[in-house]
Amino acid sequence: MDNQYFVGWGTLSLINAGIAQSKNRSGRNWFFLSLFLGPIATLIIVVWDKLPEQKDLSK
C-alpha cells in the first residue's frame, strides 16, 4: 500500500510539471515543488494565469 502512495504522488508531480509548462512556467521547479505540496501545488498552478510568451532574442 505504501508504494502506491509514492507512485501516485510522483505521477501527480509529473502532471503538475506538464501543466506548469503549458502555462509558460518552469516544469522542473514545479515538479520538485509538487513533491512537497502535492494537490496544493496543482490548485496553485490551475488558478494562476498563463505567463506571456517570452520572445527569443537570439534570432
PDB file of N, CA and C in Angstrom:
ATOM      1  N   MET A   1       0.822  -1.195   0.000  1.00  0.00           N
ATOM      2  CA  MET A   1       0.000   0.000   0.000  1.00  0.00           C
ATOM      3  C   MET A   1       0.867   1.260   0.000  1.00  0.00           C
ATOM      4  N   ASP A   2       1.982   1.244   0.701  1.00  0.00           N
ATOM      5  CA  ASP A   2       2.844   2.422   0.760  1.00  0.00           C
ATOM      6  C   ASP A   2       3.428   2.772  -0.602  1.00  0.00           C
ATOM      7  N   ASN A   3       3.750   1.763  -1.408  1.00  0.00           N
ATOM      8  CA  ASN A   3       4.310   2.023  -2.733  1.00  0.00           C
ATOM      9  C   ASN A   3       3.309   2.735  -3.634  1.00  0.00           C
ATOM     10  N   GLN A   4       2.037   2.418  -3.497  1.00  0.00           N
ATOM     11  CA  GLN A   4       1.014   3.070  -4.308  1.00  0.00           C
ATOM     12  C   GLN A   4       0.932   4.557  -3.992  1.00  0.00           C
ATOM     13  N   TYR A   5       1.132   4.898  -2.740  1.00  0.00           N
ATOM     14  CA  TYR A   5       1.111   6.295  -2.329  1.00  0.00           C
ATOM     15  C   TYR A   5       2.223   7.067  -3.028  1.00  0.00           C
ATOM     16  N   PHE A   6       3.437   6.513  -3.041  1.00  0.00           N
ATOM     17  CA  PHE A   6       4.573   7.193  -3.667  1.00  0.00           C
ATOM     18  C   PHE A   6       4.425   7.269  -5.184  1.00  0.00           C
ATOM     19  N   VAL A   7       3.878   6.222  -5.780  1.00  0.00           N
ATOM     20  CA  VAL A   7       3.665   6.239  -7.230  1.00  0.00           C
ATOM     21  C   VAL A   7       2.632   7.304  -7.595  1.00  0.00           C
ATOM     22  N   GLY A   8       1.576   7.406  -6.840  1.00  0.00           N
ATOM     23  CA  GLY A   8       0.542   8.407  -7.099  1.00  0.00           C
ATOM     24  C   GLY A   8       1.059   9.819  -6.920  1.00  0.00           C
ATOM     25  N   TRP A   9       1.861  10.015  -5.875  1.00  0.00           N
ATOM     26  CA  TRP A   9       2.420  11.348  -5.599  1.00  0.00           C
ATOM     27  C   TRP A   9       3.385  11.752  -6.718  1.00  0.00           C
ATOM     28  N   GLY A  10       4.203  10.796  -7.175  1.00  0.00           N
ATOM     29  CA  GLY A  10       5.139  11.063  -8.267  1.00  0.00           C
ATOM     30  C   GLY A  10       4.412  11.360  -9.569  1.00  0.00           C
ATOM     31  N   THR A  11       3.341  10.623  -9.825  1.00  0.00           N
ATOM     32  CA  THR A  11       2.542  10.865 -11.027  1.00  0.00           C
ATOM     33  C   THR A  11       1.920  12.257 -10.988  1.00  0.00           C
ATOM     34  N   LEU A  12       1.418  12.653  -9.836  1.00  0.00           N
ATOM     35  CA  LEU A  12       0.850  13.993  -9.692  1.00  0.00           C
ATOM     36  C   LEU A  12       1.906  15.060  -9.946  1.00  0.00           C
ATOM     37  N   SER A  13       3.125  14.821  -9.488  1.00  0.00           N
ATOM     38  CA  SER A  13       4.212  15.776  -9.721  1.00  0.00           C
ATOM     39  C   SER A  13       4.512  15.917 -11.207  1.00  0.00           C
ATOM     40  N   LEU A  14       4.501  14.805 -11.930  1.00  0.00           N
ATOM     41  CA  LEU A  14       4.721  14.862 -13.381  1.00  0.00           C
ATOM     42  C   LEU A  14       3.592  15.609 -14.088  1.00  0.00           C
ATOM     43  N   ILE A  15       2.374  15.364 -13.672  1.00  0.00           N
ATOM     44  CA  ILE A  15       1.227  16.060 -14.262  1.00  0.00           C
ATOM     45  C   ILE A  15       1.334  17.561 -13.992  1.00  0.00           C
ATOM     46  N   ASN A  16       1.691  17.920 -12.760  1.00  0.00           N
ATOM     47  CA  ASN A  16       1.841  19.339 -12.426  1.00  0.00           C
ATOM     48  C   ASN A  16       2.941  19.994 -13.252  1.00  0.00           C
ATOM     49  N   ALA A  17       4.029  19.277 -13.497  1.00  0.00           N
ATOM     50  CA  ALA A  17       5.109  19.821 -14.325  1.00  0.00           C
ATOM     51  C   ALA A  17       4.595  20.102 -15.742  1.00  0.00           C
ATOM     52  N   GLY A  18       3.799  19.204 -16.273  1.00  0.00           N
ATOM     53  CA  GLY A  18       3.218  19.406 -17.604  1.00  0.00           C
ATOM     54  C   GLY A  18       2.277  20.587 -17.653  1.00  0.00           C
ATOM     55  N   ILE A  19       1.440  20.725 -16.631  1.00  0.00           N
ATOM     56  CA  ILE A  19       0.529  21.864 -16.567  1.00  0.00           C
ATOM     57  C   ILE A  19       1.318  23.165 -16.467  1.00  0.00           C
ATOM     58  N   ALA A  20       2.369  23.155 -15.651  1.00  0.00           N
ATOM     59  CA  ALA A  20       3.195  24.357 -15.486  1.00  0.00           C
ATOM     60  C   ALA A  20       3.843  24.760 -16.801  1.00  0.00           C
ATOM     61  N   GLN A  21       4.358  23.792 -17.547  1.00  0.00           N
ATOM     62  CA  GLN A  21       4.979  24.106 -18.833  1.00  0.00           C
ATOM     63  C   GLN A  21       3.960  24.656 -19.816  1.00  0.00           C
ATOM     64  N   SER A  22       2.734  24.163 -19.763  1.00  0.00           N
ATOM     65  CA  SER A  22       1.705  24.676 -20.670  1.00  0.00           C
ATOM     66  C   SER A  22       1.327  26.119 -20.331  1.00  0.00           C
ATOM     67  N   LYS A  23       1.667  26.547 -19.119  1.00  0.00           N
ATOM     68  CA  LYS A  23       1.406  27.928 -18.699  1.00  0.00           C
ATOM     69  C   LYS A  23       2.688  28.755 -18.695  1.00  0.00           C
ATOM     70  N   ASN A  24       3.684  28.316 -19.459  1.00  0.00           N
ATOM     71  CA  ASN A  24       4.964  29.014 -19.624  1.00  0.00           C
ATOM     72  C   ASN A  24       5.703  29.200 -18.299  1.00  0.00           C
ATOM     73  N   ARG A  25       5.637  28.207 -17.439  1.00  0.00           N
ATOM     74  CA  ARG A  25       6.357  28.216 -16.172  1.00  0.00           C
ATOM     75  C   ARG A  25       7.351  27.064 -16.172  1.00  0.00           C
ATOM     76  N   SER A  26       8.274  27.058 -15.239  1.00  0.00           N
ATOM     77  CA  SER A  26       9.312  26.039 -15.176  1.00  0.00           C
ATOM     78  C   SER A  26       8.736  24.704 -14.707  1.00  0.00           C
ATOM     79  N   GLY A  27       8.732  23.737 -15.608  1.00  0.00           N
ATOM     80  CA  GLY A  27       8.233  22.411 -15.259  1.00  0.00           C
ATOM     81  C   GLY A  27       9.081  21.733 -14.201  1.00  0.00           C
ATOM     82  N   ARG A  28      10.394  21.912 -14.285  1.00  0.00           N
ATOM     83  CA  ARG A  28      11.306  21.282 -13.321  1.00  0.00           C
ATOM     84  C   ARG A  28      11.061  21.823 -11.917  1.00  0.00           C
ATOM     85  N   ASN A  29      10.940  23.135 -11.801  1.00  0.00           N
ATOM     86  CA  ASN A  29      10.693  23.727 -10.482  1.00  0.00           C
ATOM     87  C   ASN A  29       9.364  23.269  -9.900  1.00  0.00           C
ATOM     88  N   TRP A  30       8.350  23.220 -10.734  1.00  0.00           N
ATOM     89  CA  TRP A  30       7.044  22.800 -10.250  1.00  0.00           C
ATOM     90  C   TRP A  30       6.999  21.317  -9.933  1.00  0.00           C
ATOM     91  N   PHE A  31       7.794  20.524 -10.628  1.00  0.00           N
ATOM     92  CA  PHE A  31       7.882  19.096 -10.298  1.00  0.00           C
ATOM     93  C   PHE A  31       8.378  18.928  -8.866  1.00  0.00           C
ATOM     94  N   PHE A  32       9.483  19.606  -8.539  1.00  0.00           N
ATOM     95  CA  PHE A  32      10.046  19.474  -7.197  1.00  0.00           C
ATOM     96  C   PHE A  32       9.143  20.105  -6.134  1.00  0.00           C
ATOM     97  N   LEU A  33       8.527  21.215  -6.463  1.00  0.00           N
ATOM     98  CA  LEU A  33       7.596  21.832  -5.535  1.00  0.00           C
ATOM     99  C   LEU A  33       6.402  20.908  -5.278  1.00  0.00           C
ATOM    100  N   SER A  34       5.961  20.228  -6.307  1.00  0.00           N
ATOM    101  CA  SER A  34       4.826  19.316  -6.177  1.00  0.00           C
ATOM    102  C   SER A  34       5.159  18.094  -5.333  1.00  0.00           C
ATOM    103  N   LEU A  35       6.424  17.712  -5.279  1.00  0.00           N
ATOM    104  CA  LEU A  35       6.798  16.597  -4.410  1.00  0.00           C
ATOM    105  C   LEU A  35       6.517  16.930  -2.954  1.00  0.00           C
ATOM    106  N   PHE A  36       6.586  18.218  -2.617  1.00  0.00           N
ATOM    107  CA  PHE A  36       6.340  18.635  -1.239  1.00  0.00           C
ATOM    108  C   PHE A  36       4.887  19.058  -1.003  1.00  0.00           C
ATOM    109  N   LEU A  37       4.296  19.734  -1.982  1.00  0.00           N
ATOM    110  CA  LEU A  37       2.956  20.288  -1.780  1.00  0.00           C
ATOM    111  C   LEU A  37       1.829  19.438  -2.351  1.00  0.00           C
ATOM    112  N   GLY A  38       2.127  18.619  -3.338  1.00  0.00           N
ATOM    113  CA  GLY A  38       1.129  17.722  -3.918  1.00  0.00           C
ATOM    114  C   GLY A  38      -0.074  18.441  -4.490  1.00  0.00           C
ATOM    115  N   PRO A  39      -1.275  18.089  -4.018  1.00  0.00           N
ATOM    116  CA  PRO A  39      -2.507  18.667  -4.571  1.00  0.00           C
ATOM    117  C   PRO A  39      -2.608  20.182  -4.395  1.00  0.00           C
ATOM    118  N   ILE A  40      -1.954  20.728  -3.385  1.00  0.00           N
ATOM    119  CA  ILE A  40      -1.970  22.177  -3.198  1.00  0.00           C
ATOM    120  C   ILE A  40      -1.254  22.859  -4.363  1.00  0.00           C
ATOM    121  N   ALA A  41      -0.150  22.266  -4.822  1.00  0.00           N
ATOM    122  CA  ALA A  41       0.570  22.803  -5.981  1.00  0.00           C
ATOM    123  C   ALA A  41      -0.308  22.743  -7.230  1.00  0.00           C
ATOM    124  N   THR A  42      -1.077  21.679  -7.371  1.00  0.00           N
ATOM    125  CA  THR A  42      -1.979  21.553  -8.513  1.00  0.00           C
ATOM    126  C   THR A  42      -2.986  22.697  -8.508  1.00  0.00           C
ATOM    127  N   LEU A  43      -3.547  22.976  -7.356  1.00  0.00           N
ATOM    128  CA  LEU A  43      -4.515  24.066  -7.246  1.00  0.00           C
ATOM    129  C   LEU A  43      -3.884  25.403  -7.611  1.00  0.00           C
ATOM    130  N   ILE A  44      -2.676  25.643  -7.130  1.00  0.00           N
ATOM    131  CA  ILE A  44      -1.989  26.905  -7.425  1.00  0.00           C
ATOM    132  C   ILE A  44      -1.739  27.052  -8.924  1.00  0.00           C
ATOM    133  N   ILE A  45      -1.251  25.995  -9.554  1.00  0.00           N
ATOM    134  CA  ILE A  45      -0.950  26.055 -10.988  1.00  0.00           C
ATOM    135  C   ILE A  45      -2.210  26.304 -11.804  1.00  0.00           C
ATOM    136  N   VAL A  46      -3.286  25.621 -11.454  1.00  0.00           N
ATOM    137  CA  VAL A  46      -4.523  25.735 -12.227  1.00  0.00           C
ATOM    138  C   VAL A  46      -5.127  27.133 -12.085  1.00  0.00           C
ATOM    139  N   VAL A  47      -5.027  27.719 -10.908  1.00  0.00           N
ATOM    140  CA  VAL A  47      -5.638  29.027 -10.658  1.00  0.00           C
ATOM    141  C   VAL A  47      -4.833  30.166 -11.289  1.00  0.00           C
ATOM    142  N   TRP A  48      -3.503  30.045 -11.292  1.00  0.00           N
ATOM    143  CA  TRP A  48      -2.672  31.111 -11.857  1.00  0.00           C
ATOM    144  C   TRP A  48      -2.892  31.269 -13.353  1.00  0.00           C
ATOM    145  N   ASP A  49      -2.806  32.514 -13.815  1.00  0.00           N
ATOM    146  CA  ASP A  49      -2.925  32.802 -15.237  1.00  0.00           C
ATOM    147  C   ASP A  49      -1.664  32.356 -15.973  1.00  0.00           C
ATOM    148  N   LYS A  50      -1.822  32.163 -17.267  1.00  0.00           N
ATOM    149  CA  LYS A  50      -0.681  31.797 -18.112  1.00  0.00           C
ATOM    150  C   LYS A  50       0.242  33.003 -18.263  1.00  0.00           C
ATOM    151  N   LEU A  51       1.537  32.757 -18.183  1.00  0.00           N
ATOM    152  CA  LEU A  51       2.512  33.824 -18.401  1.00  0.00           C
ATOM    153  C   LEU A  51       2.596  34.147 -19.891  1.00  0.00           C
ATOM    154  N   PRO A  52       2.888  35.402 -20.232  1.00  0.00           N
ATOM    155  CA  PRO A  52       3.043  35.733 -21.658  1.00  0.00           C
ATOM    156  C   PRO A  52       4.251  35.020 -22.246  1.00  0.00           C
ATOM    157  N   GLU A  53       4.183  34.776 -23.535  1.00  0.00           N
ATOM    158  CA  GLU A  53       5.288  34.120 -24.240  1.00  0.00           C
ATOM    159  C   GLU A  53       6.529  34.995 -24.186  1.00  0.00           C
ATOM    160  N   GLN A  54       7.681  34.379 -23.978  1.00  0.00           N
ATOM    161  CA  GLN A  54       8.958  35.105 -23.999  1.00  0.00           C
ATOM    162  C   GLN A  54       9.462  35.138 -25.425  1.00  0.00           C
ATOM    163  N   LYS A  55       9.884  36.305 -25.881  1.00  0.00           N
ATOM    164  CA  LYS A  55      10.428  36.426 -27.233  1.00  0.00           C
ATOM    165  C   LYS A  55      11.856  35.928 -27.242  1.00  0.00           C
ATOM    166  N   ASP A  56      12.203  35.168 -28.261  1.00  0.00           N
ATOM    167  CA  ASP A  56      13.563  34.652 -28.404  1.00  0.00           C
ATOM    168  C   ASP A  56      14.417  35.733 -29.071  1.00  0.00           C
ATOM    169  N   LEU A  57      15.326  36.304 -28.306  1.00  0.00           N
ATOM    170  CA  LEU A  57      16.158  37.398 -28.808  1.00  0.00           C
ATOM    171  C   LEU A  57      17.415  36.908 -29.509  1.00  0.00           C
ATOM    172  N   SER A  58      17.641  35.612 -29.519  1.00  0.00           N
ATOM    173  CA  SER A  58      18.876  35.085 -30.134  1.00  0.00           C
ATOM    174  C   SER A  58      18.788  35.020 -31.652  1.00  0.00           C
ATOM    175  N   LYS A  59      17.606  35.242 -32.214  1.00  0.00           N
ATOM    176  CA  LYS A  59      17.449  35.155 -33.671  1.00  0.00           C
ATOM    177  C   LYS A  59      17.617  36.506 -34.320  1.00  0.00           C
TER     178      LYS A  59
END
